Amino acid sequence: MTKRFSKCKNPWVILGILITCFVPVVIDATVLHMAIPSLTLDLKATGNQVLWMLDIYSLFMAGLLIPMGY
């Protein structure tokens, strides 16, 4: 018989915590998507550069969750 490593009886609590952690990332990505038209015009960015802005920003924000102690 194997022992469970988790002391949490309800896996929904863990799911709720994970969703709560990613809410700031989703909000920031939404704001960035709304700002892309003006950013593209101001920076004179190409389509490839716009894709990099969208992808890297979300990846960077998600990567900062652990160091920020969220």
PDB file of N, CA and C in Angstrom:
ATOM      1  N   MET A   1       0.836  -1.171   0.000  1.00  0.00           N
ATOM      2  CA  MET A   1       0.000   0.000   0.000  1.00  0.00           C
ATOM      3  C   MET A   1       0.888   1.244   0.000  1.00  0.00           C
ATOM      4  N   THR A   2       0.557   2.203  -0.838  1.00  0.00           N
ATOM      5  CA  THR A   2       1.367   3.421  -0.915  1.00  0.00           C
ATOM      6  C   THR A   2       0.736   4.529  -0.086  1.00  0.00           C
ATOM      7  N   LYS A   3       1.594   5.375   0.458  1.00  0.00           N
ATOM      8  CA  LYS A   3       1.122   6.514   1.235  1.00  0.00           C
ATOM      9  C   LYS A   3       0.984   7.722   0.317  1.00  0.00           C
ATOM     10  N   ARG A   4       0.017   8.532   0.617  1.00  0.00           N
ATOM     11  CA  ARG A   4      -0.155   9.776  -0.133  1.00  0.00           C
ATOM     12  C   ARG A   4       0.787  10.811   0.449  1.00  0.00           C
ATOM     13  N   PHE A   5       1.433  11.587  -0.429  1.00  0.00           N
ATOM     14  CA  PHE A   5       2.371  12.609   0.021  1.00  0.00           C
ATOM     15  C   PHE A   5       1.642  13.907   0.383  1.00  0.00           C
ATOM     16  N   SER A   6       0.478  14.084  -0.119  1.00  0.00           N
ATOM     17  CA  SER A   6      -0.277  15.302   0.119  1.00  0.00           C
ATOM     18  C   SER A   6      -1.094  15.187   1.402  1.00  0.00           C
ATOM     19  N   LYS A   7      -1.069  16.242   2.200  1.00  0.00           N
ATOM     20  CA  LYS A   7      -1.879  16.267   3.398  1.00  0.00           C
ATOM     21  C   LYS A   7      -3.225  16.929   3.125  1.00  0.00           C
ATOM     22  N   CYS A   8      -3.360  17.516   1.961  1.00  0.00           N
ATOM     23  CA  CYS A   8      -4.605  18.190   1.609  1.00  0.00           C
ATOM     24  C   CYS A   8      -5.644  17.152   1.200  1.00  0.00           C
ATOM     25  N   LYS A   9      -6.766  17.179   1.866  1.00  0.00           N
ATOM     26  CA  LYS A   9      -7.816  16.209   1.581  1.00  0.00           C
ATOM     27  C   LYS A   9      -8.638  16.584   0.353  1.00  0.00           C
ATOM     28  N   ASN A  10      -8.642  17.865   0.019  1.00  0.00           N
ATOM     29  CA  ASN A  10      -9.480  18.334  -1.071  1.00  0.00           C
ATOM     30  C   ASN A  10      -8.614  18.894  -2.206  1.00  0.00           C
ATOM     31  N   PRO A  11      -8.544  18.229  -3.349  1.00  0.00           N
ATOM     32  CA  PRO A  11      -7.719  18.734  -4.451  1.00  0.00           C
ATOM     33  C   PRO A  11      -8.272  20.018  -5.057  1.00  0.00           C
ATOM     34  N   TRP A  12      -9.533  20.342  -4.783  1.00  0.00           N
ATOM     35  CA  TRP A  12     -10.107  21.583  -5.314  1.00  0.00           C
ATOM     36  C   TRP A  12      -9.463  22.805  -4.681  1.00  0.00           C
ATOM     37  N   VAL A  13      -8.969  22.658  -3.463  1.00  0.00           N
ATOM     38  CA  VAL A  13      -8.282  23.772  -2.809  1.00  0.00           C
ATOM     39  C   VAL A  13      -6.997  24.098  -3.560  1.00  0.00           C
ATOM     40  N   ILE A  14      -6.263  23.073  -3.945  1.00  0.00           N
ATOM     41  CA  ILE A  14      -5.024  23.270  -4.700  1.00  0.00           C
ATOM     42  C   ILE A  14      -5.322  23.915  -6.039  1.00  0.00           C
ATOM     43  N   LEU A  15      -6.363  23.461  -6.712  1.00  0.00           N
ATOM     44  CA  LEU A  15      -6.749  24.064  -7.989  1.00  0.00           C
ATOM     45  C   LEU A  15      -7.128  25.526  -7.805  1.00  0.00           C
ATOM     46  N   GLY A  16      -7.836  25.836  -6.760  1.00  0.00           N
ATOM     47  CA  GLY A  16      -8.211  27.221  -6.483  1.00  0.00           C
ATOM     48  C   GLY A  16      -7.003  28.111  -6.244  1.00  0.00           C
ATOM     49  N   ILE A  17      -6.012  27.593  -5.529  1.00  0.00           N
ATOM     50  CA  ILE A  17      -4.789  28.355  -5.272  1.00  0.00           C
ATOM     51  C   ILE A  17      -4.033  28.604  -6.575  1.00  0.00           C
ATOM     52  N   LEU A  18      -3.929  27.581  -7.421  1.00  0.00           N
ATOM     53  CA  LEU A  18      -3.245  27.753  -8.700  1.00  0.00           C
ATOM     54  C   LEU A  18      -3.948  28.774  -9.590  1.00  0.00           C
ATOM     55  N   ILE A  19      -5.256  28.715  -9.626  1.00  0.00           N
ATOM     56  CA  ILE A  19      -6.005  29.680 -10.446  1.00  0.00           C
ATOM     57  C   ILE A  19      -5.812  31.092  -9.905  1.00  0.00           C
ATOM     58  N   THR A  20      -5.833  31.237  -8.587  1.00  0.00           N
ATOM     59  CA  THR A  20      -5.636  32.547  -7.984  1.00  0.00           C
ATOM     60  C   THR A  20      -4.249  33.107  -8.300  1.00  0.00           C
ATOM     61  N   CYS A  21      -3.242  32.249  -8.355  1.00  0.00           N
ATOM     62  CA  CYS A  21      -1.889  32.703  -8.666  1.00  0.00           C
ATOM     63  C   CYS A  21      -1.769  33.206 -10.095  1.00  0.00           C
ATOM     64  N   PHE A  22      -2.513  32.635 -11.006  1.00  0.00           N
ATOM     65  CA  PHE A  22      -2.379  33.025 -12.402  1.00  0.00           C
ATOM     66  C   PHE A  22      -3.323  34.156 -12.818  1.00  0.00           C
ATOM     67  N   VAL A  23      -4.176  34.613 -11.917  1.00  0.00           N
ATOM     68  CA  VAL A  23      -5.079  35.723 -12.247  1.00  0.00           C
ATOM     69  C   VAL A  23      -4.304  36.994 -12.618  1.00  0.00           C
ATOM     70  N   PRO A  24      -3.241  37.396 -11.868  1.00  0.00           N
ATOM     71  CA  PRO A  24      -2.496  38.596 -12.293  1.00  0.00           C
ATOM     72  C   PRO A  24      -1.851  38.451 -13.672  1.00  0.00           C
ATOM     73  N   VAL A  25      -1.393  37.262 -14.004  1.00  0.00           N
ATOM     74  CA  VAL A  25      -0.796  37.040 -15.319  1.00  0.00           C
ATOM     75  C   VAL A  25      -1.843  37.220 -16.410  1.00  0.00           C
ATOM     76  N   VAL A  26      -3.034  36.694 -16.192  1.00  0.00           N
ATOM     77  CA  VAL A  26      -4.107  36.806 -17.176  1.00  0.00           C
ATOM     78  C   VAL A  26      -4.546  38.259 -17.323  1.00  0.00           C
ATOM     79  N   ILE A  27      -4.654  38.971 -16.216  1.00  0.00           N
ATOM     80  CA  ILE A  27      -5.042  40.381 -16.285  1.00  0.00           C
ATOM     81  C   ILE A  27      -3.984  41.194 -17.020  1.00  0.00           C
ATOM     82  N   ASP A  28      -2.711  40.967 -16.715  1.00  0.00           N
ATOM     83  CA  ASP A  28      -1.639  41.687 -17.410  1.00  0.00           C
ATOM     84  C   ASP A  28      -1.620  41.367 -18.897  1.00  0.00           C
ATOM     85  N   ALA A  29      -1.857  40.131 -19.262  1.00  0.00           N
ATOM     86  CA  ALA A  29      -1.885  39.764 -20.678  1.00  0.00           C
ATOM     87  C   ALA A  29      -3.055  40.440 -21.386  1.00  0.00           C
ATOM     88  N   THR A  30      -4.190  40.566 -20.701  1.00  0.00           N
ATOM     89  CA  THR A  30      -5.348  41.239 -21.286  1.00  0.00           C
ATOM     90  C   THR A  30      -5.060  42.720 -21.507  1.00  0.00           C
ATOM     91  N   VAL A  31      -4.440  43.354 -20.536  1.00  0.00           N
ATOM     92  CA  VAL A  31      -4.087  44.764 -20.677  1.00  0.00           C
ATOM     93  C   VAL A  31      -3.086  44.951 -21.811  1.00  0.00           C
ATOM     94  N   LEU A  32      -2.127  44.060 -21.916  1.00  0.00           N
ATOM     95  CA  LEU A  32      -1.151  44.151 -22.998  1.00  0.00           C
ATOM     96  C   LEU A  32      -1.817  43.989 -24.358  1.00  0.00           C
ATOM     97  N   HIS A  33      -2.759  43.060 -24.469  1.00  0.00           N
ATOM     98  CA  HIS A  33      -3.460  42.882 -25.739  1.00  0.00           C
ATOM     99  C   HIS A  33      -4.262  44.124 -26.113  1.00  0.00           C
ATOM    100  N   MET A  34      -4.802  44.814 -25.128  1.00  0.00           N
ATOM    101  CA  MET A  34      -5.545  46.046 -25.409  1.00  0.00           C
ATOM    102  C   MET A  34      -4.612  47.187 -25.820  1.00  0.00           C
ATOM    103  N   ALA A  35      -3.378  47.171 -25.329  1.00  0.00           N
ATOM    104  CA  ALA A  35      -2.428  48.243 -25.608  1.00  0.00           C
ATOM    105  C   ALA A  35      -1.592  48.003 -26.863  1.00  0.00           C
ATOM    106  N   ILE A  36      -1.677  46.820 -27.441  1.00  0.00           N
ATOM    107  CA  ILE A  36      -0.834  46.483 -28.599  1.00  0.00           C
ATOM    108  C   ILE A  36      -1.009  47.446 -29.778  1.00  0.00           C
ATOM    109  N   PRO A  37      -2.223  47.858 -30.142  1.00  0.00           N
ATOM    110  CA  PRO A  37      -2.323  48.780 -31.287  1.00  0.00           C
ATOM    111  C   PRO A  37      -1.538  50.078 -31.092  1.00  0.00           C
ATOM    112  N   SER A  38      -1.642  50.686 -29.929  1.00  0.00           N
ATOM    113  CA  SER A  38      -0.900  51.932 -29.712  1.00  0.00           C
ATOM    114  C   SER A  38       0.600  51.672 -29.567  1.00  0.00           C
ATOM    115  N   LEU A  39       0.976  50.556 -28.957  1.00  0.00           N
ATOM    116  CA  LEU A  39       2.395  50.209 -28.861  1.00  0.00           C
ATOM    117  C   LEU A  39       3.009  49.970 -30.234  1.00  0.00           C
ATOM    118  N   THR A  40       2.252  49.319 -31.091  1.00  0.00           N
ATOM    119  CA  THR A  40       2.755  49.036 -32.440  1.00  0.00           C
ATOM    120  C   THR A  40       2.989  50.330 -33.206  1.00  0.00           C
ATOM    121  N   LEU A  41       2.068  51.257 -33.086  1.00  0.00           N
ATOM    122  CA  LEU A  41       2.235  52.540 -33.787  1.00  0.00           C
ATOM    123  C   LEU A  41       3.376  53.358 -33.201  1.00  0.00           C
ATOM    124  N   ASP A  42       3.470  53.435 -31.871  1.00  0.00           N
ATOM    125  CA  ASP A  42       4.508  54.243 -31.240  1.00  0.00           C
ATOM    126  C   ASP A  42       5.910  53.681 -31.459  1.00  0.00           C
ATOM    127  N   LEU A  43       6.031  52.356 -31.412  1.00  0.00           N
ATOM    128  CA  LEU A  43       7.347  51.726 -31.557  1.00  0.00           C
ATOM    129  C   LEU A  43       7.681  51.351 -32.994  1.00  0.00           C
ATOM    130  N   LYS A  44       6.684  51.514 -33.881  1.00  0.00           N
ATOM    131  CA  LYS A  44       6.847  51.106 -35.288  1.00  0.00           C
ATOM    132  C   LYS A  44       7.312  49.648 -35.378  1.00  0.00           C
ATOM    133  N   ALA A  45       6.629  48.803 -34.626  1.00  0.00           N
ATOM    134  CA  ALA A  45       7.007  47.393 -34.527  1.00  0.00           C
ATOM    135  C   ALA A  45       6.461  46.600 -35.710  1.00  0.00           C
ATOM    136  N   THR A  46       7.216  45.598 -36.119  1.00  0.00           N
ATOM    137  CA  THR A  46       6.756  44.692 -37.168  1.00  0.00           C
ATOM    138  C   THR A  46       5.873  43.617 -36.540  1.00  0.00           C
ATOM    139  N   GLY A  47       5.254  42.801 -37.372  1.00  0.00           N
ATOM    140  CA  GLY A  47       4.395  41.729 -36.872  1.00  0.00           C
ATOM    141  C   GLY A  47       5.147  40.741 -36.008  1.00  0.00           C
ATOM    142  N   ASN A  48       6.366  40.429 -36.392  1.00  0.00           N
ATOM    143  CA  ASN A  48       7.185  39.494 -35.620  1.00  0.00           C
ATOM    144  C   ASN A  48       7.523  40.073 -34.245  1.00  0.00           C
ATOM    145  N   GLN A  49       7.815  41.360 -34.191  1.00  0.00           N
ATOM    146  CA  GLN A  49       8.133  41.998 -32.916  1.00  0.00           C
ATOM    147  C   GLN A  49       6.910  42.055 -31.997  1.00  0.00           C
ATOM    148  N   VAL A  50       5.738  42.247 -32.581  1.00  0.00           N
ATOM    149  CA  VAL A  50       4.509  42.254 -31.791  1.00  0.00           C
ATOM    150  C   VAL A  50       4.264  40.880 -31.173  1.00  0.00           C
ATOM    151  N   LEU A  51       4.483  39.825 -31.943  1.00  0.00           N
ATOM    152  CA  LEU A  51       4.330  38.475 -31.403  1.00  0.00           C
ATOM    153  C   LEU A  51       5.294  38.223 -30.253  1.00  0.00           C
ATOM    154  N   TRP A  52       6.529  38.703 -30.378  1.00  0.00           N
ATOM    155  CA  TRP A  52       7.495  38.551 -29.302  1.00  0.00           C
ATOM    156  C   TRP A  52       7.042  39.292 -28.057  1.00  0.00           C
ATOM    157  N   MET A  53       6.507  40.505 -28.240  1.00  0.00           N
ATOM    158  CA  MET A  53       6.031  41.269 -27.078  1.00  0.00           C
ATOM    159  C   MET A  53       4.930  40.515 -26.341  1.00  0.00           C
ATOM    160  N   LEU A  54       3.992  39.963 -27.082  1.00  0.00           N
ATOM    161  CA  LEU A  54       2.872  39.257 -26.466  1.00  0.00           C
ATOM    162  C   LEU A  54       3.315  37.977 -25.764  1.00  0.00           C
ATOM    163  N   ASP A  55       4.147  37.201 -26.416  1.00  0.00           N
ATOM    164  CA  ASP A  55       4.548  35.905 -25.865  1.00  0.00           C
ATOM    165  C   ASP A  55       5.515  36.039 -24.692  1.00  0.00           C
ATOM    166  N   ILE A  56       6.530  36.863 -24.846  1.00  0.00           N
ATOM    167  CA  ILE A  56       7.562  36.957 -23.819  1.00  0.00           C
ATOM    168  C   ILE A  56       7.037  37.625 -22.557  1.00  0.00           C
ATOM    169  N   TYR A  57       6.145  38.604 -22.692  1.00  0.00           N
ATOM    170  CA  TYR A  57       5.615  39.277 -21.507  1.00  0.00           C
ATOM    171  C   TYR A  57       4.871  38.302 -20.612  1.00  0.00           C
ATOM    172  N   SER A  58       3.997  37.493 -21.192  1.00  0.00           N
ATOM    173  CA  SER A  58       3.252  36.524 -20.387  1.00  0.00           C
ATOM    174  C   SER A  58       4.178  35.469 -19.782  1.00  0.00           C
ATOM    175  N   LEU A  59       5.148  35.012 -20.551  1.00  0.00           N
ATOM    176  CA  LEU A  59       6.105  34.033 -20.040  1.00  0.00           C
ATOM    177  C   LEU A  59       6.939  34.612 -18.900  1.00  0.00           C
ATOM    178  N   PHE A  60       7.349  35.850 -19.054  1.00  0.00           N
ATOM    179  CA  PHE A  60       8.138  36.512 -18.021  1.00  0.00           C
ATOM    180  C   PHE A  60       7.325  36.699 -16.746  1.00  0.00           C
ATOM    181  N   MET A  61       6.072  37.142 -16.878  1.00  0.00           N
ATOM    182  CA  MET A  61       5.225  37.341 -15.705  1.00  0.00           C
ATOM    183  C   MET A  61       4.948  36.012 -14.987  1.00  0.00           C
ATOM    184  N   ALA A  62       4.688  34.960 -15.743  1.00  0.00           N
ATOM    185  CA  ALA A  62       4.449  33.648 -15.135  1.00  0.00           C
ATOM    186  C   ALA A  62       5.712  33.140 -14.430  1.00  0.00           C
ATOM    187  N   GLY A  63       6.868  33.428 -15.005  1.00  0.00           N
ATOM    188  CA  GLY A  63       8.130  33.013 -14.395  1.00  0.00           C
ATOM    189  C   GLY A  63       8.444  33.758 -13.108  1.00  0.00           C
ATOM    190  N   LEU A  64       7.887  34.947 -12.957  1.00  0.00           N
ATOM    191  CA  LEU A  64       8.142  35.718 -11.749  1.00  0.00           C
ATOM    192  C   LEU A  64       7.241  35.343 -10.573  1.00  0.00           C
ATOM    193  N   LEU A  65       6.280  34.461 -10.776  1.00  0.00           N
ATOM    194  CA  LEU A  65       5.383  34.083  -9.691  1.00  0.00           C
ATOM    195  C   LEU A  65       6.112  33.462  -8.512  1.00  0.00           C
ATOM    196  N   ILE A  66       7.060  32.594  -8.774  1.00  0.00           N
ATOM    197  CA  ILE A  66       7.785  31.903  -7.702  1.00  0.00           C
ATOM    198  C   ILE A  66       8.723  32.850  -6.960  1.00  0.00           C
ATOM    199  N   PRO A  67       9.562  33.641  -7.669  1.00  0.00           N
ATOM    200  CA  PRO A  67      10.444  34.555  -6.917  1.00  0.00           C
ATOM    201  C   PRO A  67       9.691  35.628  -6.135  1.00  0.00           C
ATOM    202  N   MET A  68       8.524  36.042  -6.611  1.00  0.00           N
ATOM    203  CA  MET A  68       7.758  37.059  -5.895  1.00  0.00           C
ATOM    204  C   MET A  68       7.057  36.469  -4.678  1.00  0.00           C
ATOM    205  N   GLY A  69       7.055  35.157  -4.538  1.00  0.00           N
ATOM    206  CA  GLY A  69       6.481  34.508  -3.374  1.00  0.00           C
ATOM    207  C   GLY A  69       4.982  34.456  -3.356  1.00  0.00           C
ATOM    208  N   TYR A  70       4.390  34.444  -4.523  1.00  0.00           N
ATOM    209  CA  TYR A  70       2.931  34.425  -4.591  1.00  0.00           C
ATOM    210  C   TYR A  70       2.410  33.085  -4.184  1.00  0.00           C
TER     211      TYR A  70
END
